[in-house]
Amino acid sequence: MKCPFCGSFDTQVVDSRVSDAGDSIRRRRRCQNCQKRFTTYETVELRMPQVVKQNGMRVEFDVEKIRNGFARALHKRLVPTEYVDAALNRITQQVLSLGEREIPSVAIGEMVMGELYKLDKVAYIRFASVYKSFQDVSDFREVIREVEPKQVKKKAPKPDAK
């Protein structure tokens, strides 16, 4: 580490401490040349992949775009903000865990649909209608059948034997 006072690269770590949150390390250093002390911080830098749109264009991954998609789908639905934040965190972690430099926007759309399916079926259908470009009512019927709970057929009671 370069000394901010004299520019020397000959520095020594005197003390290291992990932050309370555990997401950074504070280091006290001493320059071997001028003997002055200074503090540095070490944090993790996560690089999100580029998103490849269907037209081939590449854009930065933007969790706010996903949040806006959730907001539109969940408009006037009673889903707590904490649930939405948790879903956004799961999507971000999923994207990071892929370890890819690029990810198709279609994959992110599928992740969003999966999270909305768990949160709210109406929001899932709203998002799916735009995401999958529904053309007519039959497209809606298909997705509604997908989210409707399967009805269990009840067996008719056996007639009493006399």
C-alpha atoms as a PDB file:
ATOM      1  CA  MET A   1       0.000   0.000   0.000  1.00  0.00           C
ATOM      2  CA  LYS A   2       1.349   3.403  -0.957  1.00  0.00           C
ATOM      3  CA  CYS A   3       1.875   5.903   1.891  1.00  0.00           C
ATOM      4  CA  PRO A   4      -0.409   8.951   1.399  1.00  0.00           C
ATOM      5  CA  PHE A   5       2.206  11.213   3.032  1.00  0.00           C
ATOM      6  CA  CYS A   6       5.503  10.385   1.321  1.00  0.00           C
ATOM      7  CA  GLY A   7       4.472   8.014  -1.496  1.00  0.00           C
ATOM      8  CA  SER A   8       6.626   5.122  -0.297  1.00  0.00           C
ATOM      9  CA  PHE A   9       5.394   1.577  -0.967  1.00  0.00           C
ATOM     10  CA  ASP A  10       7.210   0.263   2.114  1.00  0.00           C
ATOM     11  CA  THR A  11       4.358   0.096   4.657  1.00  0.00           C
ATOM     12  CA  GLN A  12       3.582  -2.304   7.475  1.00  0.00           C
ATOM     13  CA  VAL A  13       0.215  -3.412   8.906  1.00  0.00           C
ATOM     14  CA  VAL A  14       0.159  -2.548  12.622  1.00  0.00           C
ATOM     15  CA  ASP A  15      -3.431  -3.595  13.465  1.00  0.00           C
ATOM     16  CA  SER A  16      -6.395  -5.242  11.653  1.00  0.00           C
ATOM     17  CA  ARG A  17     -10.012  -5.344  12.786  1.00  0.00           C
ATOM     18  CA  VAL A  18     -13.161  -6.715  11.187  1.00  0.00           C
ATOM     19  CA  SER A  19     -16.104  -4.260  11.125  1.00  0.00           C
ATOM     20  CA  ASP A  20     -19.139  -4.938  13.299  1.00  0.00           C
ATOM     21  CA  ALA A  21     -21.157  -5.894  10.216  1.00  0.00           C
ATOM     22  CA  GLY A  22     -18.358  -8.232   9.111  1.00  0.00           C
ATOM     23  CA  ASP A  23     -18.256  -6.785   5.613  1.00  0.00           C
ATOM     24  CA  SER A  24     -14.967  -4.878   5.788  1.00  0.00           C
ATOM     25  CA  ILE A  25     -11.557  -4.908   7.449  1.00  0.00           C
ATOM     26  CA  ARG A  26      -9.946  -1.809   8.936  1.00  0.00           C
ATOM     27  CA  ARG A  27      -6.149  -1.814   8.831  1.00  0.00           C
ATOM     28  CA  ARG A  28      -3.811   0.587  10.627  1.00  0.00           C
ATOM     29  CA  ARG A  29      -0.566   0.923   8.706  1.00  0.00           C
ATOM     30  CA  ARG A  30       2.785   2.568   9.378  1.00  0.00           C
ATOM     31  CA  CYS A  31       5.077   3.853   6.684  1.00  0.00           C
ATOM     32  CA  GLN A  32       8.607   2.462   7.127  1.00  0.00           C
ATOM     33  CA  ASN A  33      10.034   5.544   5.405  1.00  0.00           C
ATOM     34  CA  CYS A  34       8.356   8.517   7.197  1.00  0.00           C
ATOM     35  CA  GLN A  35       6.941   6.589  10.225  1.00  0.00           C
ATOM     36  CA  LYS A  36       3.487   8.187   9.815  1.00  0.00           C
ATOM     37  CA  ARG A  37       0.365   6.073  10.375  1.00  0.00           C
ATOM     38  CA  PHE A  38      -2.733   5.847   8.228  1.00  0.00           C
ATOM     39  CA  THR A  39      -5.883   3.711   7.974  1.00  0.00           C
ATOM     40  CA  THR A  40      -7.088   1.622   5.038  1.00  0.00           C
ATOM     41  CA  TYR A  41     -10.326  -0.302   4.565  1.00  0.00           C
ATOM     42  CA  GLU A  42     -10.705  -3.553   2.671  1.00  0.00           C
ATOM     43  CA  THR A  43     -14.132  -4.496   1.278  1.00  0.00           C
ATOM     44  CA  VAL A  44     -15.424  -7.042  -1.169  1.00  0.00           C
ATOM     45  CA  GLU A  45     -16.250  -5.761  -4.627  1.00  0.00           C
ATOM     46  CA  LEU A  46     -18.880  -7.848  -6.358  1.00  0.00           C
ATOM     47  CA  ARG A  47     -19.074  -7.575 -10.103  1.00  0.00           C
ATOM     48  CA  MET A  48     -22.520  -8.269 -11.452  1.00  0.00           C
ATOM     49  CA  PRO A  49     -22.735  -9.810 -14.926  1.00  0.00           C
ATOM     50  CA  GLN A  50     -23.853  -7.935 -18.021  1.00  0.00           C
ATOM     51  CA  VAL A  51     -27.450  -8.621 -19.036  1.00  0.00           C
ATOM     52  CA  VAL A  52     -27.872  -9.708 -22.658  1.00  0.00           C
ATOM     53  CA  LYS A  53     -31.215  -8.464 -23.943  1.00  0.00           C
ATOM     54  CA  GLN A  54     -33.200 -10.393 -26.556  1.00  0.00           C
ATOM     55  CA  ASN A  55     -32.033  -7.966 -29.272  1.00  0.00           C
ATOM     56  CA  GLY A  56     -28.390  -8.732 -28.378  1.00  0.00           C
ATOM     57  CA  MET A  57     -27.765  -5.429 -26.613  1.00  0.00           C
ATOM     58  CA  ARG A  58     -25.787  -5.626 -23.368  1.00  0.00           C
ATOM     59  CA  VAL A  59     -26.677  -3.556 -20.296  1.00  0.00           C
ATOM     60  CA  GLU A  60     -25.547  -3.442 -16.681  1.00  0.00           C
ATOM     61  CA  PHE A  61     -27.454  -5.603 -14.200  1.00  0.00           C
ATOM     62  CA  ASP A  62     -29.801  -3.221 -12.387  1.00  0.00           C
ATOM     63  CA  VAL A  63     -31.733  -4.487  -9.393  1.00  0.00           C
ATOM     64  CA  GLU A  64     -33.885  -1.325  -9.524  1.00  0.00           C
ATOM     65  CA  LYS A  65     -35.303  -2.433 -12.900  1.00  0.00           C
ATOM     66  CA  ILE A  66     -36.295  -5.719 -11.275  1.00  0.00           C
ATOM     67  CA  ARG A  67     -37.762  -3.855  -8.293  1.00  0.00           C
ATOM     68  CA  ASN A  68     -39.862  -1.761 -10.722  1.00  0.00           C
ATOM     69  CA  GLY A  69     -41.109  -4.951 -12.387  1.00  0.00           C
ATOM     70  CA  PHE A  70     -42.128  -6.295  -8.978  1.00  0.00           C
ATOM     71  CA  ALA A  71     -43.844  -2.982  -8.143  1.00  0.00           C
ATOM     72  CA  ARG A  72     -45.886  -3.058 -11.356  1.00  0.00           C
ATOM     73  CA  ALA A  73     -46.893  -6.683 -10.886  1.00  0.00           C
ATOM     74  CA  LEU A  74     -47.710  -6.198  -7.192  1.00  0.00           C
ATOM     75  CA  HIS A  75     -49.631  -2.935  -7.672  1.00  0.00           C
ATOM     76  CA  LYS A  76     -52.465  -2.845  -5.090  1.00  0.00           C
ATOM     77  CA  ARG A  77     -51.527  -6.306  -3.798  1.00  0.00           C
ATOM     78  CA  LEU A  78     -50.969  -6.794  -0.066  1.00  0.00           C
ATOM     79  CA  VAL A  79     -47.406  -8.115  -0.126  1.00  0.00           C
ATOM     80  CA  PRO A  80     -45.035  -6.749   2.555  1.00  0.00           C
ATOM     81  CA  THR A  81     -41.961  -4.847   1.364  1.00  0.00           C
ATOM     82  CA  GLU A  82     -39.723  -7.209   3.355  1.00  0.00           C
ATOM     83  CA  TYR A  83     -40.906 -10.119   1.202  1.00  0.00           C
ATOM     84  CA  VAL A  84     -40.124  -8.190  -1.976  1.00  0.00           C
ATOM     85  CA  ASP A  85     -36.670  -7.237  -0.647  1.00  0.00           C
ATOM     86  CA  ALA A  86     -35.986 -10.863   0.264  1.00  0.00           C
ATOM     87  CA  ALA A  87     -37.042 -11.982  -3.229  1.00  0.00           C
ATOM     88  CA  LEU A  88     -34.764  -9.367  -4.816  1.00  0.00           C
ATOM     89  CA  ASN A  89     -31.881 -10.573  -2.632  1.00  0.00           C
ATOM     90  CA  ARG A  90     -32.509 -14.179  -3.689  1.00  0.00           C
ATOM     91  CA  ILE A  91     -32.472 -13.172  -7.360  1.00  0.00           C
ATOM     92  CA  THR A  92     -29.255 -11.165  -6.911  1.00  0.00           C
ATOM     93  CA  GLN A  93     -27.600 -14.069  -5.085  1.00  0.00           C
ATOM     94  CA  GLN A  94     -28.757 -16.485  -7.765  1.00  0.00           C
ATOM     95  CA  VAL A  95     -27.273 -14.270 -10.489  1.00  0.00           C
ATOM     96  CA  LEU A  96     -23.993 -13.957  -8.569  1.00  0.00           C
ATOM     97  CA  SER A  97     -23.818 -17.691  -7.867  1.00  0.00           C
ATOM     98  CA  LEU A  98     -23.911 -18.431 -11.593  1.00  0.00           C
ATOM     99  CA  GLY A  99     -20.440 -16.907 -11.811  1.00  0.00           C
ATOM    100  CA  GLU A 100     -21.008 -15.814 -15.402  1.00  0.00           C
ATOM    101  CA  ARG A 101     -19.860 -12.572 -17.010  1.00  0.00           C
ATOM    102  CA  GLU A 102     -23.105 -12.365 -18.996  1.00  0.00           C
ATOM    103  CA  ILE A 103     -26.623 -13.552 -18.315  1.00  0.00           C
ATOM    104  CA  PRO A 104     -29.582 -13.559 -20.719  1.00  0.00           C
ATOM    105  CA  SER A 105     -32.468 -11.284 -19.707  1.00  0.00           C
ATOM    106  CA  VAL A 106     -34.736 -14.305 -20.219  1.00  0.00           C
ATOM    107  CA  ALA A 107     -33.027 -16.076 -17.303  1.00  0.00           C
ATOM    108  CA  ILE A 108     -33.627 -13.089 -15.040  1.00  0.00           C
ATOM    109  CA  GLY A 109     -37.265 -12.944 -16.161  1.00  0.00           C
ATOM    110  CA  GLU A 110     -37.693 -16.607 -15.214  1.00  0.00           C
ATOM    111  CA  MET A 111     -36.181 -15.921 -11.778  1.00  0.00           C
ATOM    112  CA  VAL A 112     -38.604 -13.026 -11.280  1.00  0.00           C
ATOM    113  CA  MET A 113     -41.539 -15.214 -12.312  1.00  0.00           C
ATOM    114  CA  GLY A 114     -40.441 -17.895  -9.844  1.00  0.00           C
ATOM    115  CA  GLU A 115     -40.302 -15.401  -6.990  1.00  0.00           C
ATOM    116  CA  LEU A 116     -43.637 -13.799  -7.909  1.00  0.00           C
ATOM    117  CA  TYR A 117     -45.255 -17.244  -8.076  1.00  0.00           C
ATOM    118  CA  LYS A 118     -44.263 -17.759  -4.432  1.00  0.00           C
ATOM    119  CA  LEU A 119     -45.343 -14.271  -3.345  1.00  0.00           C
ATOM    120  CA  ASP A 120     -48.656 -13.659  -5.092  1.00  0.00           C
ATOM    121  CA  LYS A 121     -50.428 -15.584  -7.845  1.00  0.00           C
ATOM    122  CA  VAL A 122     -52.204 -12.511  -9.257  1.00  0.00           C
ATOM    123  CA  ALA A 123     -48.899 -10.643  -9.528  1.00  0.00           C
ATOM    124  CA  TYR A 124     -47.396 -13.715 -11.174  1.00  0.00           C
ATOM    125  CA  ILE A 125     -50.151 -13.717 -13.812  1.00  0.00           C
ATOM    126  CA  ARG A 126     -49.765  -9.960 -14.383  1.00  0.00           C
ATOM    127  CA  PHE A 127     -46.017 -10.276 -14.875  1.00  0.00           C
ATOM    128  CA  ALA A 128     -46.370 -13.376 -17.063  1.00  0.00           C
ATOM    129  CA  SER A 129     -48.896 -11.620 -19.313  1.00  0.00           C
ATOM    130  CA  VAL A 130     -46.367  -8.895 -20.142  1.00  0.00           C
ATOM    131  CA  TYR A 131     -43.226 -11.028 -19.992  1.00  0.00           C
ATOM    132  CA  LYS A 132     -44.631 -13.765 -22.226  1.00  0.00           C
ATOM    133  CA  SER A 133     -46.509 -11.296 -24.475  1.00  0.00           C
ATOM    134  CA  PHE A 134     -49.952 -12.840 -24.123  1.00  0.00           C
ATOM    135  CA  GLN A 135     -51.931 -12.477 -27.334  1.00  0.00           C
ATOM    136  CA  ASP A 136     -55.397 -13.559 -26.275  1.00  0.00           C
ATOM    137  CA  VAL A 137     -57.544 -14.879 -23.435  1.00  0.00           C
ATOM    138  CA  SER A 138     -56.429 -18.491 -23.959  1.00  0.00           C
ATOM    139  CA  ASP A 139     -52.916 -17.496 -22.851  1.00  0.00           C
ATOM    140  CA  PHE A 140     -54.391 -16.222 -19.580  1.00  0.00           C
ATOM    141  CA  ARG A 141     -56.414 -19.430 -19.144  1.00  0.00           C
ATOM    142  CA  GLU A 142     -53.273 -21.535 -19.437  1.00  0.00           C
ATOM    143  CA  VAL A 143     -51.433 -19.602 -16.755  1.00  0.00           C
ATOM    144  CA  ILE A 144     -54.480 -19.530 -14.479  1.00  0.00           C
ATOM    145  CA  ARG A 145     -54.724 -23.326 -14.756  1.00  0.00           C
ATOM    146  CA  GLU A 146     -51.049 -23.427 -13.816  1.00  0.00           C
ATOM    147  CA  VAL A 147     -51.588 -21.494 -10.564  1.00  0.00           C
ATOM    148  CA  GLU A 148     -54.950 -22.936  -9.514  1.00  0.00           C
ATOM    149  CA  PRO A 149     -54.641 -25.536  -6.794  1.00  0.00           C
ATOM    150  CA  LYS A 150     -55.348 -29.012  -8.048  1.00  0.00           C
ATOM    151  CA  GLN A 151     -58.753 -30.109  -6.871  1.00  0.00           C
ATOM    152  CA  VAL A 152     -58.865 -33.464  -5.208  1.00  0.00           C
ATOM    153  CA  LYS A 153     -61.823 -35.562  -6.254  1.00  0.00           C
ATOM    154  CA  LYS A 154     -63.746 -36.833  -3.270  1.00  0.00           C
ATOM    155  CA  LYS A 155     -64.804 -40.415  -3.294  1.00  0.00           C
ATOM    156  CA  ALA A 156     -68.489 -41.002  -3.060  1.00  0.00           C
ATOM    157  CA  PRO A 157     -69.472 -42.568   0.259  1.00  0.00           C
ATOM    158  CA  LYS A 158     -70.128 -46.273   0.124  1.00  0.00           C
ATOM    159  CA  PRO A 159     -73.775 -47.201   0.406  1.00  0.00           C
ATOM    160  CA  ASP A 160     -74.637 -48.807   3.732  1.00  0.00           C
ATOM    161  CA  ALA A 161     -74.859 -52.560   3.451  1.00  0.00           C
ATOM    162  CA  LYS A 162     -78.086 -53.832   4.995  1.00  0.00           C
END
